[in-house]
Amino acid sequence: MEDDLPMDTSRDLFHFTDGAQAYAGRYLHRQDNPLHTHSFMEIAFTLGGRATHHCLAGRRELEARDVVVLRPGVWHGYEDCHELELYNCCFSSELLRRELSWMRDDPLLGHLLWAGPYASHGRGTLALRLDPDTFDECVRELESLSALRHLPPGEYRGDLIARLTLIFGVLARSVVRSAGAGSAQLQQSHPAVGRVMRMLEADIARPWTLAELAEQLHLAPGYLVRLFKAATGLPPIAYLAQLRVEHAAVLLLHSDEPVTAVGRAVGWPDQNYFARRFKAHYGLSATTYRQRFATYADHHGVPADAEPVTSALK
């Protein structure tokens, strides 16, 4: 493992350290990578070899050019690894909430980073396979992003965001092509959708109701639901539940607050209700999730026995 990684990977929970916001690096897995989780978003690009990716959505055989997008808090691992080489691209949720918040309003990028993983069958993940040219384009951008790690972050923050945006754009277009989406699905979402997202994210513990959201936006509740679901795949209150459960996972991993306090902090003061919602999303109770992952956390998604690969892809 390189000494200057901006993450702590010593346990089952990977997280950024020292205020880092994004990272890209290549790793070779000769042994299985046990189940772990992370408090940031990750996109794993399969460069070569093969393995079985295991997450709550099921098991999927990985080969070259396979890509997996994972929302924060999702647990996953790699089984039956045979010279599995990955390029891991990791970035904080703070970047998405701040500098990259405009992506929520973009149909392609919104699907890649929110709607796709939030779909019920995705369980916080989105899997795709890229064609050779598209994959090579992504790797070139990943190499450029990786090189930024050795430069002063204050001077190159704009470059980092630009590289991430280029990677997201390439992936999002590939998702649309593979799904055969028509032009009607690529239309810009209604401004109300972005406003609702920002309102919910700014105060996730508030006891929001559909009627209250609709009133603040001067829209009929049914119309707001149709607008929001067309853009995100979820009604507003279901989207809020996704935000809450992801934030709860981060609190469980990075704080010593009792489980009941975590539930209250995200807007679910009823302990039983919080327990049901958390287990429905992660497949584990909140207590089990904390016990399993908070002691072996992945600050950046790479296990201790993974070998960094420093040479450029041929």
Protein backbone atom coordinates (compact mmCIF):
# COMPACT_ATOMS: atom_id res chain seq x y z
CA MET A 1 0.00 0.00 0.00
CA GLU A 2 1.33 3.45 -0.85
CA ASP A 3 2.13 5.65 2.14
CA ASP A 4 0.48 8.82 0.83
CA LEU A 5 -3.04 7.50 0.26
CA PRO A 6 -5.65 10.05 1.41
CA MET A 7 -7.62 7.27 3.13
CA ASP A 8 -7.61 4.93 6.07
CA THR A 9 -8.02 1.34 4.86
CA SER A 10 -6.88 -0.43 7.99
CA ARG A 11 -10.31 -1.73 8.93
CA ASP A 12 -13.61 -2.74 7.29
CA LEU A 13 -14.72 0.86 6.91
CA PHE A 14 -12.78 2.93 4.38
CA HIS A 15 -12.86 6.71 4.69
CA PHE A 16 -10.99 9.78 3.50
CA THR A 17 -8.46 11.42 5.80
CA ASP A 18 -7.01 14.92 6.08
CA GLY A 19 -9.92 16.55 4.28
CA ALA A 20 -9.36 14.71 1.00
CA GLN A 21 -12.28 14.82 -1.44
CA ALA A 22 -11.41 12.44 -4.29
CA TYR A 23 -8.91 9.78 -5.26
CA ALA A 24 -8.14 7.39 -8.11
CA GLY A 25 -5.73 4.47 -8.00
CA ARG A 26 -5.03 1.07 -9.58
CA TYR A 27 -4.82 -2.09 -7.50
CA LEU A 28 -4.19 -5.77 -8.10
CA HIS A 29 -6.17 -8.26 -5.99
CA ARG A 30 -4.59 -11.69 -5.86
CA GLN A 31 -6.66 -12.67 -2.83
CA ASP A 32 -10.33 -12.25 -2.01
CA ASN A 33 -11.37 -8.83 -0.74
CA PRO A 34 -13.64 -9.38 2.31
CA LEU A 35 -16.91 -7.51 2.73
CA HIS A 36 -16.35 -3.88 3.66
CA THR A 37 -18.04 -0.52 3.34
CA HIS A 38 -17.06 3.11 2.85
CA SER A 39 -18.40 6.54 3.72
CA PHE A 40 -17.87 7.96 0.23
CA MET A 41 -18.96 7.09 -3.29
CA GLU A 42 -16.87 4.66 -5.30
CA ILE A 43 -16.73 3.65 -8.96
CA ALA A 44 -14.71 0.49 -9.59
CA PHE A 45 -13.38 -0.12 -13.12
CA THR A 46 -12.23 -3.67 -13.92
CA LEU A 47 -8.97 -3.48 -15.87
CA GLY A 48 -8.29 -7.20 -16.05
CA GLY A 49 -8.57 -10.58 -14.38
CA ARG A 50 -11.84 -11.78 -12.98
CA ALA A 51 -13.75 -12.11 -9.72
CA THR A 52 -17.26 -12.27 -8.29
CA HIS A 53 -18.56 -9.00 -6.92
CA HIS A 54 -20.76 -9.56 -3.86
CA CYS A 55 -23.19 -6.94 -2.53
CA LEU A 56 -26.77 -6.74 -1.32
CA ALA A 57 -27.98 -6.67 -4.94
CA GLY A 58 -26.46 -10.13 -5.42
CA ARG A 59 -23.36 -11.65 -6.96
CA ARG A 60 -22.05 -10.61 -10.36
CA GLU A 61 -19.14 -12.02 -12.32
CA LEU A 62 -16.62 -9.31 -13.19
CA GLU A 63 -14.39 -9.22 -16.24
CA ALA A 64 -12.44 -6.54 -18.06
CA ARG A 65 -14.43 -3.36 -18.81
CA ASP A 66 -17.04 -4.01 -16.11
CA VAL A 67 -17.86 -1.00 -13.93
CA VAL A 68 -19.67 -0.84 -10.59
CA VAL A 69 -21.00 2.38 -9.04
CA LEU A 70 -21.56 2.26 -5.26
CA ARG A 71 -23.36 4.80 -3.08
CA PRO A 72 -21.98 5.62 0.41
CA GLY A 73 -22.58 2.97 3.06
CA VAL A 74 -23.06 0.08 0.61
CA TRP A 75 -21.24 -3.07 1.73
CA HIS A 76 -19.49 -5.18 -0.88
CA GLY A 77 -16.53 -7.44 -1.52
CA TYR A 78 -14.75 -9.50 -4.18
CA GLU A 79 -14.70 -13.31 -4.15
CA ASP A 80 -12.74 -15.84 -6.20
CA CYS A 81 -10.25 -13.24 -7.34
CA HIS A 82 -7.99 -14.25 -10.20
CA GLU A 83 -5.46 -11.46 -10.80
CA LEU A 84 -8.29 -8.93 -10.46
CA GLU A 85 -7.02 -5.47 -11.37
CA LEU A 86 -9.23 -2.52 -10.53
CA TYR A 87 -9.07 1.21 -10.99
CA ASN A 88 -10.90 2.66 -8.01
CA CYS A 89 -12.35 6.16 -8.30
CA CYS A 90 -13.54 7.45 -4.92
CA PHE A 91 -15.12 10.81 -4.12
CA SER A 92 -16.86 12.32 -1.12
CA SER A 93 -20.55 13.01 -0.79
CA GLU A 94 -19.61 16.57 0.14
CA LEU A 95 -18.41 17.19 -3.40
CA LEU A 96 -21.78 16.07 -4.77
CA ARG A 97 -23.67 18.23 -2.29
CA ARG A 98 -21.59 21.32 -3.01
CA GLU A 99 -19.49 21.82 -6.15
CA LEU A 100 -21.21 19.07 -8.12
CA SER A 101 -24.75 19.66 -6.87
CA TRP A 102 -25.85 20.79 -10.34
CA MET A 103 -25.49 17.18 -11.49
CA ARG A 104 -28.72 16.28 -9.72
CA ASP A 105 -30.61 18.35 -12.28
CA ASP A 106 -28.90 16.74 -15.28
CA PRO A 107 -30.86 13.73 -16.62
CA LEU A 108 -27.80 11.64 -17.51
CA LEU A 109 -25.62 12.43 -14.51
CA GLY A 110 -28.56 12.32 -12.14
CA HIS A 111 -29.32 8.78 -13.26
CA LEU A 112 -25.70 7.65 -12.97
CA LEU A 113 -25.11 8.95 -9.45
CA TRP A 114 -28.59 8.96 -7.87
CA ALA A 115 -31.56 7.44 -9.71
CA GLY A 116 -29.76 4.35 -11.04
CA PRO A 117 -28.22 3.20 -7.73
CA TYR A 118 -31.40 4.21 -5.86
CA ALA A 119 -33.57 1.89 -7.98
CA SER A 120 -35.01 -0.95 -5.92
CA HIS A 121 -33.07 -3.64 -7.80
CA GLY A 122 -29.80 -1.69 -7.49
CA ARG A 123 -29.73 -1.57 -3.68
CA GLY A 124 -27.30 1.34 -3.82
CA THR A 125 -25.29 0.06 -6.79
CA LEU A 126 -25.27 0.41 -10.56
CA ALA A 127 -23.41 -2.07 -12.79
CA LEU A 128 -22.51 -1.68 -16.46
CA ARG A 129 -20.05 -2.90 -19.08
CA LEU A 130 -18.28 -0.41 -21.32
CA ASP A 131 -17.23 -0.84 -24.92
CA PRO A 132 -13.42 -0.81 -25.48
CA ASP A 133 -13.18 2.80 -26.70
CA THR A 134 -15.32 4.16 -23.90
CA PHE A 135 -13.39 2.18 -21.30
CA ASP A 136 -10.05 3.44 -22.62
CA GLU A 137 -11.37 7.00 -22.47
CA CYS A 138 -12.32 6.52 -18.82
CA VAL A 139 -8.91 5.07 -17.97
CA ARG A 140 -7.14 8.05 -19.54
CA GLU A 141 -9.15 10.40 -17.36
CA LEU A 142 -8.53 8.21 -14.31
CA GLU A 143 -4.78 8.39 -14.93
CA SER A 144 -5.02 12.18 -15.04
CA LEU A 145 -7.08 12.22 -11.85
CA SER A 146 -4.59 9.92 -10.12
CA ALA A 147 -1.69 12.22 -11.03
CA LEU A 148 -3.38 15.12 -9.23
CA ARG A 149 -2.84 13.38 -5.89
CA HIS A 150 0.79 14.47 -5.96
CA LEU A 151 -0.03 18.15 -6.56
CA PRO A 152 -1.13 20.84 -4.05
CA PRO A 153 -4.88 20.28 -3.58
CA GLY A 154 -5.60 23.95 -3.04
CA GLU A 155 -4.17 24.84 -6.45
CA TYR A 156 -5.66 21.91 -8.39
CA ARG A 157 -9.12 21.54 -6.90
CA GLY A 158 -10.68 22.80 -10.12
CA ASP A 159 -8.71 20.24 -12.13
CA LEU A 160 -9.88 17.46 -9.83
CA ILE A 161 -13.53 18.45 -10.23
CA ALA A 162 -13.08 18.75 -13.99
CA ARG A 163 -11.57 15.25 -14.27
CA LEU A 164 -14.36 13.76 -12.19
CA THR A 165 -16.95 15.50 -14.35
CA LEU A 166 -15.40 14.11 -17.54
CA ILE A 167 -15.44 10.57 -16.11
CA PHE A 168 -19.06 10.93 -15.02
CA GLY A 169 -20.04 12.25 -18.43
CA VAL A 170 -18.47 9.32 -20.29
CA LEU A 171 -20.13 6.81 -17.98
CA ALA A 172 -23.54 8.49 -18.07
CA ARG A 173 -23.63 8.52 -21.88
CA SER A 174 -22.72 4.84 -21.91
CA VAL A 175 -25.55 4.02 -19.48
CA VAL A 176 -28.04 5.82 -21.70
CA ARG A 177 -26.80 4.07 -24.84
CA SER A 178 -26.91 0.64 -23.24
CA ALA A 179 -30.43 1.27 -21.94
CA GLY A 180 -31.62 2.52 -25.33
CA ALA A 181 -33.02 5.69 -23.79
CA GLY A 182 -34.88 7.98 -26.13
CA SER A 183 -34.69 11.74 -26.37
CA ALA A 184 -37.77 12.12 -24.18
CA GLN A 185 -35.85 10.57 -21.29
CA LEU A 186 -33.01 13.07 -21.68
CA GLN A 187 -35.04 16.20 -21.13
CA GLN A 188 -34.02 18.60 -18.38
CA SER A 189 -35.95 18.04 -15.17
CA HIS A 190 -38.36 20.62 -13.82
CA PRO A 191 -36.65 23.24 -11.55
CA ALA A 192 -38.86 22.08 -8.69
CA VAL A 193 -37.00 18.75 -8.58
CA GLY A 194 -33.67 20.34 -7.75
CA ARG A 195 -35.29 22.64 -5.22
CA VAL A 196 -36.87 19.70 -3.40
CA MET A 197 -33.56 17.82 -3.35
CA ARG A 198 -31.77 20.79 -1.83
CA MET A 199 -34.51 21.34 0.74
CA LEU A 200 -34.44 17.72 1.86
CA GLU A 201 -30.65 17.51 1.98
CA ALA A 202 -30.40 20.72 3.99
CA ASP A 203 -32.61 19.37 6.79
CA ILE A 204 -33.03 15.61 6.57
CA ALA A 205 -34.21 15.29 10.18
CA ARG A 206 -37.21 17.56 9.61
CA PRO A 207 -40.54 15.68 9.55
CA TRP A 208 -41.18 16.53 5.92
CA THR A 209 -44.51 15.70 4.32
CA LEU A 210 -45.46 15.70 0.67
CA ALA A 211 -48.13 18.31 1.37
CA GLU A 212 -45.56 20.65 2.95
CA LEU A 213 -43.11 20.27 0.07
CA ALA A 214 -45.84 20.89 -2.49
CA GLU A 215 -47.09 23.94 -0.62
CA GLN A 216 -43.64 25.52 -0.48
CA LEU A 217 -43.27 25.02 -4.24
CA HIS A 218 -46.86 26.08 -5.03
CA LEU A 219 -47.55 22.81 -6.81
CA ALA A 220 -50.20 20.14 -6.43
CA PRO A 221 -48.84 17.14 -4.47
CA GLY A 222 -49.67 14.66 -7.23
CA TYR A 223 -47.97 16.83 -9.85
CA LEU A 224 -44.86 17.18 -7.68
CA VAL A 225 -44.67 13.41 -7.29
CA ARG A 226 -44.88 12.92 -11.07
CA LEU A 227 -42.16 15.51 -11.72
CA PHE A 228 -39.85 14.13 -9.07
CA LYS A 229 -40.34 10.49 -9.99
CA ALA A 230 -39.76 11.20 -13.68
CA ALA A 231 -36.38 12.77 -12.82
CA THR A 232 -35.16 10.50 -10.03
CA GLY A 233 -37.21 7.32 -10.23
CA LEU A 234 -38.50 7.94 -6.70
CA PRO A 235 -41.23 10.04 -5.07
CA PRO A 236 -39.86 12.86 -2.86
CA ILE A 237 -40.46 11.10 0.47
CA ALA A 238 -38.82 7.89 -0.80
CA TYR A 239 -35.84 9.96 -1.92
CA LEU A 240 -35.69 11.46 1.58
CA ALA A 241 -35.62 7.94 3.03
CA GLN A 242 -32.57 7.15 0.88
CA LEU A 243 -30.79 10.25 2.15
CA ARG A 244 -31.63 9.39 5.74
CA VAL A 245 -30.46 5.79 5.61
CA GLU A 246 -27.16 6.74 3.95
CA HIS A 247 -26.52 9.42 6.55
CA ALA A 248 -27.44 6.98 9.30
CA ALA A 249 -24.85 4.53 7.95
CA VAL A 250 -22.14 7.19 8.10
CA LEU A 251 -23.10 8.10 11.68
CA LEU A 252 -23.03 4.45 12.71
CA LEU A 253 -19.57 4.04 11.21
CA HIS A 254 -17.98 7.25 12.45
CA SER A 255 -19.62 8.01 15.80
CA ASP A 256 -20.28 6.34 19.13
CA GLU A 257 -23.85 7.65 19.32
CA PRO A 258 -26.41 5.03 20.40
CA VAL A 259 -28.44 3.55 17.58
CA THR A 260 -31.55 5.29 18.90
CA ALA A 261 -29.76 8.65 18.77
CA VAL A 262 -28.68 7.98 15.19
CA GLY A 263 -32.29 7.32 14.24
CA ARG A 264 -33.38 10.60 15.81
CA ALA A 265 -30.55 12.47 14.10
CA VAL A 266 -31.79 11.46 10.65
CA GLY A 267 -35.46 12.10 11.32
CA TRP A 268 -36.67 8.65 12.49
CA PRO A 269 -37.21 8.98 16.25
CA ASP A 270 -39.28 5.78 16.41
CA GLN A 271 -36.65 3.11 17.08
CA ASN A 272 -38.66 0.28 15.56
CA TYR A 273 -39.39 2.23 12.40
CA PHE A 274 -35.74 3.22 12.03
CA ALA A 275 -34.72 -0.40 12.50
CA ARG A 276 -37.08 -1.57 9.76
CA ARG A 277 -36.00 1.11 7.29
CA PHE A 278 -32.30 0.52 7.86
CA LYS A 279 -32.52 -3.25 7.52
CA ALA A 280 -34.68 -2.93 4.40
CA HIS A 281 -31.95 -0.85 2.77
CA TYR A 282 -28.76 -2.59 3.92
CA GLY A 283 -29.99 -6.09 4.71
CA LEU A 284 -28.56 -5.81 8.23
CA SER A 285 -29.79 -4.30 11.46
CA ALA A 286 -28.17 -1.01 12.42
CA THR A 287 -26.43 -2.70 15.37
CA THR A 288 -25.07 -5.54 13.24
CA TYR A 289 -23.97 -3.10 10.53
CA ARG A 290 -21.98 -1.09 13.07
CA GLN A 291 -20.47 -4.19 14.69
CA ARG A 292 -19.49 -5.66 11.33
CA PHE A 293 -18.06 -2.62 9.61
CA ALA A 294 -17.17 0.13 12.08
CA THR A 295 -14.25 -1.97 13.35
CA TYR A 296 -12.86 -2.64 9.88
CA ALA A 297 -13.59 0.47 7.94
CA ASP A 298 -12.61 1.34 4.43
CA HIS A 299 -11.63 4.98 4.26
CA HIS A 300 -11.00 4.56 0.59
CA GLY A 301 -11.99 1.16 -0.59
CA VAL A 302 -8.71 -0.76 -0.87
CA PRO A 303 -7.84 -3.69 1.43
CA ALA A 304 -4.43 -3.89 3.05
CA ASP A 305 -3.31 -6.82 0.88
CA ALA A 306 -4.14 -5.15 -2.45
CA GLU A 307 -1.07 -4.28 -4.49
CA PRO A 308 -0.89 -0.75 -5.93
CA VAL A 309 -0.13 -0.65 -9.65
CA THR A 310 1.83 2.41 -10.68
CA SER A 311 2.57 1.80 -14.35
CA ALA A 312 0.31 3.34 -16.97
CA LEU A 313 -2.17 1.10 -18.70
CA LYS A 314 -0.84 -0.16 -22.02
